[in-house]
Amino acid sequence: MDSDMLKVVIFVGTLMVAGIATYASMTVISVVKKRLEGEPRFPGSELDGIRARLEATEALESRVAELEERLDFAERLLAEHREPERLPAGRTVDSQN
């Protein structure tokens, strides 16, 4: 009985390996066929999505550059900050009337 069971296991294993090999070879043949026919790697909608993301990224880069310039300008203005003019000592605003 053990030898019969071993034969069944070998037979089923052989069928599984043959099925996997057939599926893998069909997949490889399909990919090679598409490449030889010149089919693009990305479908149109996926490529359009990538282009849209690239455009959005470029727009964000320009906005970041503009914000950097504005920040530099604000930092320069703050660095030039002067002390406000003060009244001479001993005088108050109410005593001027």
PDB file of N, CA and C in Angstrom:
ATOM      1  N   MET A   1       0.806  -1.183   0.000  1.00  0.00           N
ATOM      2  CA  MET A   1       0.000   0.000   0.000  1.00  0.00           C
ATOM      3  C   MET A   1       0.857   1.258   0.000  1.00  0.00           C
ATOM      4  N   ASP A   2       1.979   1.223   0.656  1.00  0.00           N
ATOM      5  CA  ASP A   2       2.855   2.374   0.702  1.00  0.00           C
ATOM      6  C   ASP A   2       3.420   2.707  -0.675  1.00  0.00           C
ATOM      7  N   SER A   3       3.739   1.698  -1.445  1.00  0.00           N
ATOM      8  CA  SER A   3       4.284   1.968  -2.782  1.00  0.00           C
ATOM      9  C   SER A   3       3.205   2.546  -3.695  1.00  0.00           C
ATOM     10  N   ASP A   4       1.941   2.126  -3.517  1.00  0.00           N
ATOM     11  CA  ASP A   4       0.847   2.698  -4.311  1.00  0.00           C
ATOM     12  C   ASP A   4       0.630   4.170  -3.944  1.00  0.00           C
ATOM     13  N   MET A   5       0.696   4.462  -2.656  1.00  0.00           N
ATOM     14  CA  MET A   5       0.517   5.842  -2.200  1.00  0.00           C
ATOM     15  C   MET A   5       1.653   6.719  -2.712  1.00  0.00           C
ATOM     16  N   LEU A   6       2.864   6.198  -2.705  1.00  0.00           N
ATOM     17  CA  LEU A   6       4.006   6.937  -3.217  1.00  0.00           C
ATOM     18  C   LEU A   6       3.840   7.221  -4.702  1.00  0.00           C
ATOM     19  N   LYS A   7       3.327   6.240  -5.462  1.00  0.00           N
ATOM     20  CA  LYS A   7       3.094   6.436  -6.892  1.00  0.00           C
ATOM     21  C   LYS A   7       2.051   7.534  -7.131  1.00  0.00           C
ATOM     22  N   VAL A   8       0.998   7.584  -6.310  1.00  0.00           N
ATOM     23  CA  VAL A   8      -0.047   8.609  -6.449  1.00  0.00           C
ATOM     24  C   VAL A   8       0.540   9.995  -6.145  1.00  0.00           C
ATOM     25  N   VAL A   9       1.327  10.085  -5.082  1.00  0.00           N
ATOM     26  CA  VAL A   9       1.935  11.362  -4.712  1.00  0.00           C
ATOM     27  C   VAL A   9       2.876  11.838  -5.810  1.00  0.00           C
ATOM     28  N   ILE A  10       3.674  10.944  -6.365  1.00  0.00           N
ATOM     29  CA  ILE A  10       4.591  11.306  -7.453  1.00  0.00           C
ATOM     30  C   ILE A  10       3.810  11.751  -8.678  1.00  0.00           C
ATOM     31  N   PHE A  11       2.717  11.031  -8.992  1.00  0.00           N
ATOM     32  CA  PHE A  11       1.898  11.375 -10.149  1.00  0.00           C
ATOM     33  C   PHE A  11       1.270  12.764  -9.984  1.00  0.00           C
ATOM     34  N   VAL A  12       0.685  13.021  -8.813  1.00  0.00           N
ATOM     35  CA  VAL A  12       0.053  14.327  -8.556  1.00  0.00           C
ATOM     36  C   VAL A  12       1.113  15.432  -8.566  1.00  0.00           C
ATOM     37  N   GLY A  13       2.261  15.171  -7.970  1.00  0.00           N
ATOM     38  CA  GLY A  13       3.344  16.159  -7.967  1.00  0.00           C
ATOM     39  C   GLY A  13       3.823  16.474  -9.371  1.00  0.00           C
ATOM     40  N   THR A  14       3.932  15.422 -10.193  1.00  0.00           N
ATOM     41  CA  THR A  14       4.348  15.625 -11.588  1.00  0.00           C
ATOM     42  C   THR A  14       3.330  16.468 -12.339  1.00  0.00           C
ATOM     43  N   LEU A  15       2.056  16.201 -12.132  1.00  0.00           N
ATOM     44  CA  LEU A  15       1.010  17.002 -12.780  1.00  0.00           C
ATOM     45  C   LEU A  15       1.073  18.463 -12.339  1.00  0.00           C
ATOM     46  N   MET A  16       1.306  18.699 -11.059  1.00  0.00           N
ATOM     47  CA  MET A  16       1.394  20.077 -10.554  1.00  0.00           C
ATOM     48  C   MET A  16       2.587  20.807 -11.155  1.00  0.00           C
ATOM     49  N   VAL A  17       3.740  20.146 -11.185  1.00  0.00           N
ATOM     50  CA  VAL A  17       4.936  20.771 -11.755  1.00  0.00           C
ATOM     51  C   VAL A  17       4.724  21.062 -13.236  1.00  0.00           C
ATOM     52  N   ALA A  18       4.109  20.132 -13.956  1.00  0.00           N
ATOM     53  CA  ALA A  18       3.850  20.334 -15.380  1.00  0.00           C
ATOM     54  C   ALA A  18       2.888  21.504 -15.591  1.00  0.00           C
ATOM     55  N   GLY A  19       1.867  21.620 -14.761  1.00  0.00           N
ATOM     56  CA  GLY A  19       0.915  22.731 -14.865  1.00  0.00           C
ATOM     57  C   GLY A  19       1.570  24.066 -14.596  1.00  0.00           C
ATOM     58  N   ILE A  20       2.389  24.136 -13.549  1.00  0.00           N
ATOM     59  CA  ILE A  20       3.091  25.380 -13.222  1.00  0.00           C
ATOM     60  C   ILE A  20       4.053  25.761 -14.327  1.00  0.00           C
ATOM     61  N   ALA A  21       4.787  24.792 -14.847  1.00  0.00           N
ATOM     62  CA  ALA A  21       5.726  25.067 -15.937  1.00  0.00           C
ATOM     63  C   ALA A  21       4.991  25.559 -17.180  1.00  0.00           C
ATOM     64  N   THR A  22       3.850  24.972 -17.487  1.00  0.00           N
ATOM     65  CA  THR A  22       3.068  25.402 -18.642  1.00  0.00           C
ATOM     66  C   THR A  22       2.578  26.831 -18.455  1.00  0.00           C
ATOM     67  N   TYR A  23       2.042  27.141 -17.281  1.00  0.00           N
ATOM     68  CA  TYR A  23       1.557  28.491 -17.007  1.00  0.00           C
ATOM     69  C   TYR A  23       2.693  29.508 -17.101  1.00  0.00           C
ATOM     70  N   ALA A  24       3.840  29.206 -16.517  1.00  0.00           N
ATOM     71  CA  ALA A  24       4.977  30.125 -16.542  1.00  0.00           C
ATOM     72  C   ALA A  24       5.473  30.336 -17.968  1.00  0.00           C
ATOM     73  N   SER A  25       5.559  29.284 -18.743  1.00  0.00           N
ATOM     74  CA  SER A  25       6.042  29.443 -20.116  1.00  0.00           C
ATOM     75  C   SER A  25       5.053  30.231 -20.960  1.00  0.00           C
ATOM     76  N   MET A  26       3.748  30.057 -20.743  1.00  0.00           N
ATOM     77  CA  MET A  26       2.750  30.836 -21.480  1.00  0.00           C
ATOM     78  C   MET A  26       2.867  32.322 -21.132  1.00  0.00           C
ATOM     79  N   THR A  27       3.111  32.614 -19.864  1.00  0.00           N
ATOM     80  CA  THR A  27       3.260  34.004 -19.436  1.00  0.00           C
ATOM     81  C   THR A  27       4.492  34.633 -20.073  1.00  0.00           C
ATOM     82  N   VAL A  28       5.599  33.926 -20.066  1.00  0.00           N
ATOM     83  CA  VAL A  28       6.832  34.442 -20.670  1.00  0.00           C
ATOM     84  C   VAL A  28       6.644  34.643 -22.168  1.00  0.00           C
ATOM     85  N   ILE A  29       6.020  33.701 -22.829  1.00  0.00           N
ATOM     86  CA  ILE A  29       5.782  33.819 -24.272  1.00  0.00           C
ATOM     87  C   ILE A  29       4.893  35.028 -24.559  1.00  0.00           C
ATOM     88  N   SER A  30       3.879  35.268 -23.740  1.00  0.00           N
ATOM     89  CA  SER A  30       2.987  36.409 -23.928  1.00  0.00           C
ATOM     90  C   SER A  30       3.746  37.729 -23.783  1.00  0.00           C
ATOM     91  N   VAL A  31       4.600  37.837 -22.780  1.00  0.00           N
ATOM     92  CA  VAL A  31       5.380  39.066 -22.568  1.00  0.00           C
ATOM     93  C   VAL A  31       6.338  39.301 -23.720  1.00  0.00           C
ATOM     94  N   VAL A  32       7.028  38.251 -24.153  1.00  0.00           N
ATOM     95  CA  VAL A  32       7.972  38.385 -25.264  1.00  0.00           C
ATOM     96  C   VAL A  32       7.237  38.788 -26.537  1.00  0.00           C
ATOM     97  N   LYS A  33       6.091  38.210 -26.770  1.00  0.00           N
ATOM     98  CA  LYS A  33       5.297  38.542 -27.956  1.00  0.00           C
ATOM     99  C   LYS A  33       4.887  40.009 -27.946  1.00  0.00           C
ATOM    100  N   LYS A  34       4.440  40.513 -26.791  1.00  0.00           N
ATOM    101  CA  LYS A  34       4.045  41.927 -26.689  1.00  0.00           C
ATOM    102  C   LYS A  34       5.241  42.848 -26.930  1.00  0.00           C
ATOM    103  N   ARG A  35       6.396  42.488 -26.393  1.00  0.00           N
ATOM    104  CA  ARG A  35       7.589  43.317 -26.594  1.00  0.00           C
ATOM    105  C   ARG A  35       8.007  43.342 -28.052  1.00  0.00           C
ATOM    106  N   LEU A  36       7.926  42.199 -28.713  1.00  0.00           N
ATOM    107  CA  LEU A  36       8.316  42.137 -30.121  1.00  0.00           C
ATOM    108  C   LEU A  36       7.345  42.910 -31.014  1.00  0.00           C
ATOM    109  N   GLU A  37       6.076  42.959 -30.627  1.00  0.00           N
ATOM    110  CA  GLU A  37       5.093  43.690 -31.410  1.00  0.00           C
ATOM    111  C   GLU A  37       5.168  45.191 -31.164  1.00  0.00           C
ATOM    112  N   GLY A  38       5.961  45.606 -30.201  1.00  0.00           N
ATOM    113  CA  GLY A  38       6.136  47.027 -29.933  1.00  0.00           C
ATOM    114  C   GLY A  38       5.041  47.626 -29.075  1.00  0.00           C
ATOM    115  N   GLU A  39       4.322  46.840 -28.330  1.00  0.00           N
ATOM    116  CA  GLU A  39       3.280  47.354 -27.452  1.00  0.00           C
ATOM    117  C   GLU A  39       3.938  48.131 -26.314  1.00  0.00           C
ATOM    118  N   PRO A  40       3.399  49.304 -25.971  1.00  0.00           N
ATOM    119  CA  PRO A  40       4.015  50.095 -24.899  1.00  0.00           C
ATOM    120  C   PRO A  40       3.965  49.362 -23.565  1.00  0.00           C
ATOM    121  N   ARG A  41       4.933  49.669 -22.727  1.00  0.00           N
ATOM    122  CA  ARG A  41       5.009  49.003 -21.426  1.00  0.00           C
ATOM    123  C   ARG A  41       3.873  49.419 -20.506  1.00  0.00           C
ATOM    124  N   PHE A  42       3.472  50.694 -20.614  1.00  0.00           N
ATOM    125  CA  PHE A  42       2.404  51.195 -19.767  1.00  0.00           C
ATOM    126  C   PHE A  42       1.165  51.448 -20.602  1.00  0.00           C
ATOM    127  N   PRO A  43       0.013  51.079 -20.114  1.00  0.00           N
ATOM    128  CA  PRO A  43      -1.213  51.426 -20.832  1.00  0.00           C
ATOM    129  C   PRO A  43      -1.388  52.944 -20.858  1.00  0.00           C
ATOM    130  N   GLY A  44      -2.167  53.448 -21.780  1.00  0.00           N
ATOM    131  CA  GLY A  44      -2.340  54.888 -21.953  1.00  0.00           C
ATOM    132  C   GLY A  44      -2.789  55.607 -20.701  1.00  0.00           C
ATOM    133  N   SER A  45      -3.748  55.069 -19.996  1.00  0.00           N
ATOM    134  CA  SER A  45      -4.263  55.766 -18.819  1.00  0.00           C
ATOM    135  C   SER A  45      -3.210  55.841 -17.716  1.00  0.00           C
ATOM    136  N   GLU A  46      -2.428  54.811 -17.573  1.00  0.00           N
ATOM    137  CA  GLU A  46      -1.389  54.827 -16.543  1.00  0.00           C
ATOM    138  C   GLU A  46      -0.299  55.827 -16.902  1.00  0.00           C
ATOM    139  N   LEU A  47       0.063  55.888 -18.171  1.00  0.00           N
ATOM    140  CA  LEU A  47       1.071  56.843 -18.616  1.00  0.00           C
ATOM    141  C   LEU A  47       0.556  58.268 -18.461  1.00  0.00           C
ATOM    142  N   ASP A  48      -0.720  58.489 -18.750  1.00  0.00           N
ATOM    143  CA  ASP A  48      -1.307  59.816 -18.560  1.00  0.00           C
ATOM    144  C   ASP A  48      -1.285  60.216 -17.092  1.00  0.00           C
ATOM    145  N   GLY A  49      -1.533  59.262 -16.223  1.00  0.00           N
ATOM    146  CA  GLY A  49      -1.472  59.534 -14.786  1.00  0.00           C
ATOM    147  C   GLY A  49      -0.081  59.931 -14.341  1.00  0.00           C
ATOM    148  N   ILE A  50       0.922  59.262 -14.890  1.00  0.00           N
ATOM    149  CA  ILE A  50       2.310  59.598 -14.548  1.00  0.00           C
ATOM    150  C   ILE A  50       2.649  60.993 -15.047  1.00  0.00           C
ATOM    151  N   ARG A  51       2.213  61.324 -16.254  1.00  0.00           N
ATOM    152  CA  ARG A  51       2.466  62.674 -16.793  1.00  0.00           C
ATOM    153  C   ARG A  51       1.784  63.735 -15.934  1.00  0.00           C
ATOM    154  N   ALA A  52       0.560  63.470 -15.499  1.00  0.00           N
ATOM    155  CA  ALA A  52      -0.160  64.430 -14.661  1.00  0.00           C
ATOM    156  C   ALA A  52       0.566  64.638 -13.337  1.00  0.00           C
ATOM    157  N   ARG A  53       1.070  63.557 -12.756  1.00  0.00           N
ATOM    158  CA  ARG A  53       1.818  63.683 -11.501  1.00  0.00           C
ATOM    159  C   ARG A  53       3.102  64.480 -11.705  1.00  0.00           C
ATOM    160  N   LEU A  54       3.758  64.273 -12.834  1.00  0.00           N
ATOM    161  CA  LEU A  54       4.980  65.016 -13.122  1.00  0.00           C
ATOM    162  C   LEU A  54       4.683  66.506 -13.250  1.00  0.00           C
ATOM    163  N   GLU A  55       3.598  66.854 -13.949  1.00  0.00           N
ATOM    164  CA  GLU A  55       3.227  68.262 -14.089  1.00  0.00           C
ATOM    165  C   GLU A  55       2.892  68.875 -12.726  1.00  0.00           C
ATOM    166  N   ALA A  56       2.171  68.137 -11.902  1.00  0.00           N
ATOM    167  CA  ALA A  56       1.827  68.636 -10.572  1.00  0.00           C
ATOM    168  C   ALA A  56       3.085  68.829  -9.729  1.00  0.00           C
ATOM    169  N   THR A  57       4.031  67.915  -9.848  1.00  0.00           N
ATOM    170  CA  THR A  57       5.283  68.037  -9.101  1.00  0.00           C
ATOM    171  C   THR A  57       6.061  69.264  -9.548  1.00  0.00           C
ATOM    172  N   GLU A  58       6.114  69.507 -10.856  1.00  0.00           N
ATOM    173  CA  GLU A  58       6.815  70.686 -11.362  1.00  0.00           C
ATOM    174  C   GLU A  58       6.142  71.966 -10.882  1.00  0.00           C
ATOM    175  N   ALA A  59       4.804  71.993 -10.844  1.00  0.00           N
ATOM    176  CA  ALA A  59       4.090  73.173 -10.352  1.00  0.00           C
ATOM    177  C   ALA A  59       4.397  73.404  -8.876  1.00  0.00           C
ATOM    178  N   LEU A  60       4.455  72.322  -8.102  1.00  0.00           N
ATOM    179  CA  LEU A  60       4.781  72.455  -6.682  1.00  0.00           C
ATOM    180  C   LEU A  60       6.206  72.952  -6.481  1.00  0.00           C
ATOM    181  N   GLU A  61       7.125  72.502  -7.320  1.00  0.00           N
ATOM    182  CA  GLU A  61       8.509  72.968  -7.217  1.00  0.00           C
ATOM    183  C   GLU A  61       8.595  74.473  -7.440  1.00  0.00           C
ATOM    184  N   SER A  62       7.849  74.986  -8.418  1.00  0.00           N
ATOM    185  CA  SER A  62       7.889  76.426  -8.668  1.00  0.00           C
ATOM    186  C   SER A  62       7.247  77.195  -7.512  1.00  0.00           C
ATOM    187  N   ARG A  63       6.189  76.652  -6.920  1.00  0.00           N
ATOM    188  CA  ARG A  63       5.568  77.313  -5.769  1.00  0.00           C
ATOM    189  C   ARG A  63       6.515  77.332  -4.577  1.00  0.00           C
ATOM    190  N   VAL A  64       7.241  76.237  -4.361  1.00  0.00           N
ATOM    191  CA  VAL A  64       8.195  76.188  -3.250  1.00  0.00           C
ATOM    192  C   VAL A  64       9.304  77.209  -3.469  1.00  0.00           C
ATOM    193  N   ALA A  65       9.770  77.350  -4.711  1.00  0.00           N
ATOM    194  CA  ALA A  65      10.807  78.339  -5.004  1.00  0.00           C
ATOM    195  C   ALA A  65      10.299  79.753  -4.723  1.00  0.00           C
ATOM    196  N   GLU A  66       9.055  80.045  -5.093  1.00  0.00           N
ATOM    197  CA  GLU A  66       8.475  81.363  -4.828  1.00  0.00           C
ATOM    198  C   GLU A  66       8.345  81.606  -3.325  1.00  0.00           C
ATOM    199  N   LEU A  67       7.917  80.582  -2.592  1.00  0.00           N
ATOM    200  CA  LEU A  67       7.803  80.729  -1.137  1.00  0.00           C
ATOM    201  C   LEU A  67       9.166  80.941  -0.477  1.00  0.00           C
ATOM    202  N   GLU A  68      10.197  80.293  -1.005  1.00  0.00           N
ATOM    203  CA  GLU A  68      11.549  80.506  -0.479  1.00  0.00           C
ATOM    204  C   GLU A  68      11.978  81.952  -0.671  1.00  0.00           C
ATOM    205  N   GLU A  69      11.668  82.526  -1.841  1.00  0.00           N
ATOM    206  CA  GLU A  69      12.015  83.927  -2.088  1.00  0.00           C
ATOM    207  C   GLU A  69      11.270  84.848  -1.133  1.00  0.00           C
ATOM    208  N   ARG A  70       9.993  84.572  -0.902  1.00  0.00           N
ATOM    209  CA  ARG A  70       9.213  85.405   0.018  1.00  0.00           C
ATOM    210  C   ARG A  70       9.736  85.292   1.443  1.00  0.00           C
ATOM    211  N   LEU A  71      10.123  84.102   1.851  1.00  0.00           N
ATOM    212  CA  LEU A  71      10.666  83.906   3.190  1.00  0.00           C
ATOM    213  C   LEU A  71      11.983  84.665   3.348  1.00  0.00           C
ATOM    214  N   ASP A  72      12.840  84.591   2.335  1.00  0.00           N
ATOM    215  CA  ASP A  72      14.093  85.342   2.390  1.00  0.00           C
ATOM    216  C   ASP A  72      13.825  86.836   2.523  1.00  0.00           C
ATOM    217  N   PHE A  73      12.844  87.353   1.762  1.00  0.00           N
ATOM    218  CA  PHE A  73      12.501  88.772   1.836  1.00  0.00           C
ATOM    219  C   PHE A  73      12.018  89.135   3.235  1.00  0.00           C
ATOM    220  N   ALA A  74      11.144  88.303   3.811  1.00  0.00           N
ATOM    221  CA  ALA A  74      10.636  88.572   5.153  1.00  0.00           C
ATOM    222  C   ALA A  74      11.759  88.530   6.185  1.00  0.00           C
ATOM    223  N   GLU A  75      12.686  87.603   6.018  1.00  0.00           N
ATOM    224  CA  GLU A  75      13.821  87.534   6.950  1.00  0.00           C
ATOM    225  C   GLU A  75      14.682  88.780   6.846  1.00  0.00           C
ATOM    226  N   ARG A  76      14.893  89.289   5.633  1.00  0.00           N
ATOM    227  CA  ARG A  76      15.680  90.518   5.471  1.00  0.00           C
ATOM    228  C   ARG A  76      14.968  91.703   6.118  1.00  0.00           C
ATOM    229  N   LEU A  77      13.647  91.784   5.971  1.00  0.00           N
ATOM    230  CA  LEU A  77      12.902  92.876   6.606  1.00  0.00           C
ATOM    231  C   LEU A  77      12.999  92.802   8.121  1.00  0.00           C
ATOM    232  N   LEU A  78      12.894  91.613   8.663  1.00  0.00           N
ATOM    233  CA  LEU A  78      13.003  91.473  10.112  1.00  0.00           C
ATOM    234  C   LEU A  78      14.411  91.792  10.612  1.00  0.00           C
ATOM    235  N   ALA A  79      15.412  91.517   9.811  1.00  0.00           N
ATOM    236  CA  ALA A  79      16.792  91.809  10.208  1.00  0.00           C
ATOM    237  C   ALA A  79      17.040  93.314  10.238  1.00  0.00           C
ATOM    238  N   GLU A  80      16.302  94.090   9.460  1.00  0.00           N
ATOM    239  CA  GLU A  80      16.461  95.548   9.417  1.00  0.00           C
ATOM    240  C   GLU A  80      15.625  96.247  10.480  1.00  0.00           C
ATOM    241  N   HIS A  81      14.961  95.518  11.335  1.00  0.00           N
ATOM    242  CA  HIS A  81      14.076  96.085  12.349  1.00  0.00           C
ATOM    243  C   HIS A  81      14.830  97.104  13.206  1.00  0.00           C
ATOM    244  N   ARG A  82      14.245  98.303  13.350  1.00  0.00           N
ATOM    245  CA  ARG A  82      14.856  99.361  14.169  1.00  0.00           C
ATOM    246  C   ARG A  82      14.017  99.580  15.420  1.00  0.00           C
ATOM    247  N   GLU A  83      14.669 100.139  16.395  1.00  0.00           N
ATOM    248  CA  GLU A  83      13.964 100.494  17.622  1.00  0.00           C
ATOM    249  C   GLU A  83      13.044 101.675  17.328  1.00  0.00           C
ATOM    250  N   PRO A  84      11.830 101.680  17.861  1.00  0.00           N
ATOM    251  CA  PRO A  84      10.944 102.828  17.642  1.00  0.00           C
ATOM    252  C   PRO A  84      11.473 104.061  18.383  1.00  0.00           C
ATOM    253  N   GLU A  85      11.139 105.251  17.862  1.00  0.00           N
ATOM    254  CA  GLU A  85      11.589 106.484  18.523  1.00  0.00           C
ATOM    255  C   GLU A  85      10.866 106.614  19.852  1.00  0.00           C
ATOM    256  N   ARG A  86      11.629 107.023  20.841  1.00  0.00           N
ATOM    257  CA  ARG A  86      11.063 107.149  22.177  1.00  0.00           C
ATOM    258  C   ARG A  86      11.019 108.619  22.581  1.00  0.00           C
ATOM    259  N   LEU A  87      10.113 108.911  23.490  1.00  0.00           N
ATOM    260  CA  LEU A  87      10.020 110.263  24.035  1.00  0.00           C
ATOM    261  C   LEU A  87      11.206 110.505  24.966  1.00  0.00           C
ATOM    262  N   PRO A  88      11.606 111.750  25.083  1.00  0.00           N
ATOM    263  CA  PRO A  88      12.701 112.030  26.039  1.00  0.00           C
ATOM    264  C   PRO A  88      12.288 111.628  27.454  1.00  0.00           C
ATOM    265  N   ALA A  89      13.243 111.323  28.259  1.00  0.00           N
ATOM    266  CA  ALA A  89      12.979 110.847  29.615  1.00  0.00           C
ATOM    267  C   ALA A  89      12.265 111.917  30.425  1.00  0.00           C
ATOM    268  N   GLY A  90      11.327 111.546  31.240  1.00  0.00           N
ATOM    269  CA  GLY A  90      10.618 112.454  32.119  1.00  0.00           C
ATOM    270  C   GLY A  90       9.356 113.045  31.508  1.00  0.00           C
ATOM    271  N   ARG A  91       9.128 112.896  30.261  1.00  0.00           N
ATOM    272  CA  ARG A  91       7.936 113.455  29.640  1.00  0.00           C
ATOM    273  C   ARG A  91       6.974 112.319  29.326  1.00  0.00           C
ATOM    274  N   THR A  92       5.707 112.571  29.499  1.00  0.00           N
ATOM    275  CA  THR A  92       4.681 111.591  29.157  1.00  0.00           C
ATOM    276  C   THR A  92       3.743 112.186  28.124  1.00  0.00           C
ATOM    277  N   VAL A  93       2.954 111.415  27.561  1.00  0.00           N
ATOM    278  CA  VAL A  93       2.034 111.868  26.524  1.00  0.00           C
ATOM    279  C   VAL A  93       0.999 112.820  27.112  1.00  0.00           C
ATOM    280  N   ASP A  94       0.511 112.561  28.320  1.00  0.00           N
ATOM    281  CA  ASP A  94      -0.521 113.410  28.953  1.00  0.00           C
ATOM    282  C   ASP A  94       0.018 114.786  29.328  1.00  0.00           C
ATOM    283  N   SER A  95       1.293 114.908  29.652  1.00  0.00           N
ATOM    284  CA  SER A  95       1.844 116.186  30.110  1.00  0.00           C
ATOM    285  C   SER A  95       2.121 117.148  28.972  1.00  0.00           C
ATOM    286  N   GLN A  96       1.966 116.706  27.741  1.00  0.00           N
ATOM    287  CA  GLN A  96       2.219 117.589  26.588  1.00  0.00           C
ATOM    288  C   GLN A  96       1.050 118.533  26.364  1.00  0.00           C
ATOM    289  N   ASN A  97      -0.107 118.287  26.868  1.00  0.00           N
ATOM    290  CA  ASN A  97      -1.276 119.160  26.647  1.00  0.00           C
ATOM    291  C   ASN A  97      -1.226 120.331  27.498  1.00  0.00           C
TER     292      ASN A  97
END
